[in-house]
Amino acid sequence: MATLQCPHCGTQFEFTPVTHLSPTDSHEQELLQGTLNCVQCPQCQKGLNVPVRLLYRDTEHPFLLVQEPHPLPEAKARQLALQLDESATIAAQHQGIQRPVVRLVFTRPDFLEKLYLQKNGLDDRVVEFAKYQLYNGGTEGGQLSPSRHRLLFDFSQKNADRLVFLVYDRVSGRPIRVLQVPMAEYQALDAEIRNNPETQQEIEHCFPGCRVDVDILFQQLSQEKP
């Protein structure tokens, strides 16, 4: 339980935030609607969004997803990612269990994307690499720019033959286009990564830790340029 102080009227009150999620809990709808960990001040009735670290854990399909409540400077984000990866490895060794896939994000849209990629049995490394190809190959309707556009998996689509992305304008934050990739292309790339050691090494080089994001890949590649 946490003690909150309303920024509008100064009233202090108690609130128990949700910090852990699992495949069987009852908070998924609140997460989708953006109302998870939102509370109303008992005095002025203003709504408050309580920022907390959120963890989703799936023990049946070993997976741990962590959302930090606030963005961090890049150096601190890298340090936190290393700590999470190391902690997951040590805990799995001590317990004699399979190490979970660990992912670290900093926003609710990224948390939802990772969550539903996992729920749909999709490898987010393959998806992020597919985004990279879309940025570099151009698409019907014009070239995508990593600095102006953001791609997010559209988990609301149920077409098993297509991988659907929403293209967001980074300035307005609004979706402006829809892109569809044949699922056969995803499956071919996934099979190539699984079966070709050289491709496996390439994908591990692109996404070496728990921060699997095409934006980080672009940063990494820009730093590697002579």
Protein backbone atom coordinates (compact mmCIF):
# COMPACT_ATOMS: atom_id res chain seq x y z
CA MET A 1 0.00 0.00 0.00
CA ALA A 2 1.23 3.50 -0.85
CA THR A 3 0.36 6.90 0.56
CA LEU A 4 -0.52 9.34 -2.20
CA GLN A 5 -0.90 13.09 -2.13
CA CYS A 6 -3.29 14.58 -4.64
CA PRO A 7 -1.44 17.17 -6.76
CA HIS A 8 -4.69 19.11 -7.19
CA CYS A 9 -5.93 19.55 -3.61
CA GLY A 10 -3.14 18.13 -1.43
CA THR A 11 -5.27 15.41 0.17
CA GLN A 12 -3.35 12.35 1.33
CA PHE A 13 -4.89 8.90 0.96
CA GLU A 14 -3.96 5.24 0.74
CA PHE A 15 -3.84 3.26 -2.49
CA THR A 16 -2.65 -0.26 -3.32
CA PRO A 17 -1.29 -0.31 -6.87
CA VAL A 18 -1.16 -3.37 -9.10
CA THR A 19 2.49 -4.21 -9.71
CA HIS A 20 2.38 -7.84 -10.89
CA LEU A 21 0.45 -9.37 -13.76
CA SER A 22 0.15 -12.95 -14.99
CA PRO A 23 -1.68 -14.77 -17.80
CA THR A 24 -4.52 -15.66 -15.41
CA ASP A 25 -5.15 -12.41 -13.54
CA SER A 26 -8.11 -10.08 -14.01
CA HIS A 27 -6.40 -6.80 -14.86
CA GLU A 28 -5.96 -7.19 -18.63
CA GLN A 29 -8.95 -5.02 -19.56
CA GLU A 30 -7.76 -2.21 -17.30
CA LEU A 31 -4.33 -2.44 -18.91
CA LEU A 32 -5.85 -2.20 -22.39
CA GLN A 33 -8.07 0.73 -21.45
CA GLY A 34 -5.25 2.62 -19.74
CA THR A 35 -7.05 2.60 -16.40
CA LEU A 36 -4.70 0.26 -14.54
CA ASN A 37 -3.33 2.01 -11.44
CA CYS A 38 -5.58 5.00 -11.97
CA VAL A 39 -7.36 6.24 -8.85
CA GLN A 40 -9.75 9.05 -7.96
CA CYS A 41 -8.94 11.50 -5.19
CA PRO A 42 -11.57 11.03 -2.46
CA GLN A 43 -11.65 14.77 -1.79
CA CYS A 44 -11.65 16.57 -5.16
CA GLN A 45 -12.55 13.55 -7.34
CA LYS A 46 -9.69 14.26 -9.75
CA GLY A 47 -8.21 11.22 -11.48
CA LEU A 48 -4.59 10.26 -10.81
CA ASN A 49 -2.33 7.90 -12.71
CA VAL A 50 0.05 6.21 -10.27
CA PRO A 51 3.42 5.41 -11.89
CA VAL A 52 4.82 2.09 -10.63
CA ARG A 53 7.12 -0.60 -11.94
CA LEU A 54 4.93 -3.21 -13.63
CA LEU A 55 5.92 -6.86 -14.05
CA TYR A 56 4.26 -9.50 -16.19
CA ARG A 57 5.40 -13.04 -15.48
CA ASP A 58 4.45 -16.20 -17.39
CA THR A 59 5.92 -19.27 -15.69
CA GLU A 60 4.42 -21.80 -18.11
CA HIS A 61 6.19 -20.17 -21.06
CA PRO A 62 9.13 -18.65 -19.16
CA PHE A 63 8.79 -14.93 -19.81
CA LEU A 64 9.33 -11.81 -17.71
CA LEU A 65 8.30 -8.38 -18.94
CA VAL A 66 9.22 -5.28 -16.93
CA GLN A 67 7.95 -1.76 -17.49
CA GLU A 68 9.79 1.00 -15.68
CA PRO A 69 7.44 3.88 -14.87
CA HIS A 70 9.74 6.63 -16.17
CA PRO A 71 12.24 6.95 -19.02
CA LEU A 72 15.88 6.77 -17.98
CA PRO A 73 19.05 8.29 -19.43
CA GLU A 74 20.60 5.85 -21.85
CA ALA A 75 23.50 4.91 -19.57
CA LYS A 76 21.15 4.09 -16.68
CA ALA A 77 18.79 2.19 -19.01
CA ARG A 78 21.69 0.02 -20.19
CA GLN A 79 22.77 -0.60 -16.60
CA LEU A 80 19.25 -1.60 -15.54
CA ALA A 81 18.97 -3.94 -18.52
CA LEU A 82 22.23 -5.66 -17.58
CA GLN A 83 21.04 -6.02 -13.98
CA LEU A 84 17.74 -7.60 -15.06
CA ASP A 85 19.47 -10.05 -17.39
CA GLU A 86 22.04 -11.03 -14.76
CA SER A 87 19.39 -11.41 -12.03
CA ALA A 88 17.25 -13.65 -14.26
CA THR A 89 20.23 -15.85 -15.11
CA ILE A 90 21.35 -16.20 -11.48
CA ALA A 91 17.82 -16.89 -10.21
CA ALA A 92 17.23 -19.57 -12.85
CA GLN A 93 20.55 -21.26 -12.03
CA HIS A 94 19.82 -21.27 -8.30
CA GLN A 95 16.32 -22.67 -8.80
CA GLY A 96 17.37 -25.15 -11.46
CA ILE A 97 14.76 -23.90 -13.91
CA GLN A 98 14.75 -22.61 -17.46
CA ARG A 99 15.85 -19.00 -17.69
CA PRO A 100 12.92 -16.84 -18.79
CA VAL A 101 12.97 -14.53 -21.76
CA VAL A 102 13.38 -11.08 -20.18
CA ARG A 103 12.22 -7.82 -21.70
CA LEU A 104 12.53 -4.26 -20.41
CA VAL A 105 10.38 -1.37 -21.68
CA PHE A 106 9.55 2.15 -20.52
CA THR A 107 6.12 2.91 -21.97
CA ARG A 108 2.65 1.36 -21.85
CA PRO A 109 2.44 0.93 -25.69
CA ASP A 110 5.73 -0.97 -25.65
CA PHE A 111 4.54 -3.06 -22.70
CA LEU A 112 1.35 -3.97 -24.55
CA GLU A 113 3.22 -4.77 -27.74
CA LYS A 114 5.66 -7.12 -25.99
CA LEU A 115 2.86 -8.72 -23.99
CA TYR A 116 0.72 -9.52 -27.03
CA LEU A 117 3.60 -10.63 -29.20
CA GLN A 118 4.35 -13.18 -26.50
CA LYS A 119 0.68 -14.15 -26.16
CA ASN A 120 0.53 -14.68 -29.93
CA GLY A 121 3.64 -16.85 -29.93
CA LEU A 122 5.71 -14.35 -31.95
CA ASP A 123 9.41 -13.73 -31.44
CA ASP A 124 9.80 -10.00 -30.81
CA ARG A 125 13.38 -10.10 -32.15
CA VAL A 126 12.06 -11.26 -35.51
CA VAL A 127 9.33 -8.62 -35.40
CA GLU A 128 11.77 -5.82 -34.60
CA PHE A 129 14.08 -7.00 -37.39
CA ALA A 130 11.07 -6.99 -39.74
CA LYS A 131 10.44 -3.37 -38.69
CA TYR A 132 14.05 -2.59 -39.53
CA GLN A 133 13.54 -4.00 -43.02
CA LEU A 134 10.36 -1.97 -43.46
CA TYR A 135 12.19 1.22 -42.50
CA ASN A 136 15.00 0.51 -44.94
CA GLY A 137 13.09 -1.00 -47.83
CA GLY A 138 10.37 1.56 -48.25
CA THR A 139 6.70 0.70 -48.25
CA GLU A 140 3.68 1.26 -50.37
CA GLY A 141 2.65 4.84 -49.70
CA GLY A 142 6.12 6.23 -49.06
CA GLN A 143 9.40 5.84 -47.22
CA LEU A 144 9.36 5.42 -43.46
CA SER A 145 11.68 7.47 -41.29
CA PRO A 146 12.81 6.18 -37.87
CA SER A 147 12.97 9.77 -36.63
CA ARG A 148 9.43 10.64 -37.74
CA HIS A 149 7.58 7.33 -37.64
CA ARG A 150 7.11 4.59 -35.09
CA LEU A 151 5.88 1.07 -35.82
CA LEU A 152 3.83 -0.93 -33.32
CA PHE A 153 2.34 -4.39 -33.67
CA ASP A 154 -1.45 -4.19 -33.99
CA PHE A 155 -2.56 -6.95 -31.63
CA SER A 156 -6.23 -6.17 -32.25
CA GLN A 157 -6.02 -7.80 -35.69
CA LYS A 158 -6.89 -11.50 -35.75
CA ASN A 159 -5.87 -12.30 -39.34
CA ALA A 160 -3.52 -15.27 -39.03
CA ASP A 161 -2.17 -14.65 -42.54
CA ARG A 162 -0.92 -11.13 -41.83
CA LEU A 163 1.38 -9.35 -39.42
CA VAL A 164 -0.15 -5.90 -39.03
CA PHE A 165 1.68 -2.76 -37.89
CA LEU A 166 0.32 0.67 -37.05
CA VAL A 167 2.51 3.56 -38.18
CA TYR A 168 2.52 6.39 -35.64
CA ASP A 169 3.63 9.95 -36.17
CA ARG A 170 6.19 10.59 -33.43
CA VAL A 171 5.23 14.25 -33.06
CA SER A 172 1.46 13.91 -32.79
CA GLY A 173 1.50 10.40 -31.36
CA ARG A 174 -1.35 9.45 -33.69
CA PRO A 175 -1.59 6.44 -36.01
CA ILE A 176 -1.38 7.57 -39.63
CA ARG A 177 -1.07 4.35 -41.63
CA VAL A 178 -1.42 0.59 -41.48
CA LEU A 179 1.19 -1.80 -42.84
CA GLN A 180 0.66 -5.49 -43.43
CA VAL A 181 3.36 -8.11 -43.81
CA PRO A 182 2.45 -11.62 -44.98
CA MET A 183 2.85 -14.01 -42.06
CA ALA A 184 4.73 -16.33 -44.43
CA GLU A 185 7.52 -13.71 -44.58
CA TYR A 186 7.71 -13.60 -40.79
CA GLN A 187 7.77 -17.39 -40.62
CA ALA A 188 10.53 -17.59 -43.23
CA LEU A 189 12.67 -15.08 -41.32
CA ASP A 190 11.96 -16.88 -38.04
CA ALA A 191 12.99 -20.22 -39.57
CA GLU A 192 16.15 -18.67 -41.00
CA ILE A 193 17.13 -17.33 -37.57
CA ARG A 194 16.43 -20.65 -35.86
CA ASN A 195 18.20 -22.84 -38.42
CA ASN A 196 21.13 -20.74 -39.63
CA PRO A 197 23.93 -20.18 -37.07
CA GLU A 198 25.18 -17.09 -38.93
CA THR A 199 21.72 -15.52 -38.87
CA GLN A 200 21.40 -16.44 -35.19
CA GLN A 201 24.63 -14.59 -34.47
CA GLU A 202 23.41 -11.59 -36.46
CA ILE A 203 20.13 -11.34 -34.54
CA GLU A 204 21.95 -11.78 -31.21
CA HIS A 205 24.32 -8.99 -32.22
CA CYS A 206 21.35 -6.77 -33.10
CA PHE A 207 19.49 -7.53 -29.86
CA PRO A 208 22.00 -8.76 -27.27
CA GLY A 209 19.94 -8.20 -24.13
CA CYS A 210 16.50 -7.53 -22.74
CA ARG A 211 15.92 -4.26 -24.60
CA VAL A 212 14.68 -5.53 -27.95
CA ASP A 213 13.68 -2.46 -29.94
CA VAL A 214 14.35 -1.33 -33.50
CA ASP A 215 15.09 2.21 -32.23
CA ILE A 216 17.97 0.84 -30.14
CA LEU A 217 19.18 -1.10 -33.19
CA PHE A 218 19.36 2.13 -35.21
CA GLN A 219 21.31 3.78 -32.37
CA GLN A 220 23.69 0.85 -32.22
CA LEU A 221 24.30 0.86 -35.97
CA SER A 222 24.93 4.61 -36.02
CA GLN A 223 27.56 4.19 -33.29
CA GLU A 224 29.26 1.41 -35.23
CA LYS A 225 29.71 3.54 -38.36
CA PRO A 226 33.35 4.61 -38.86
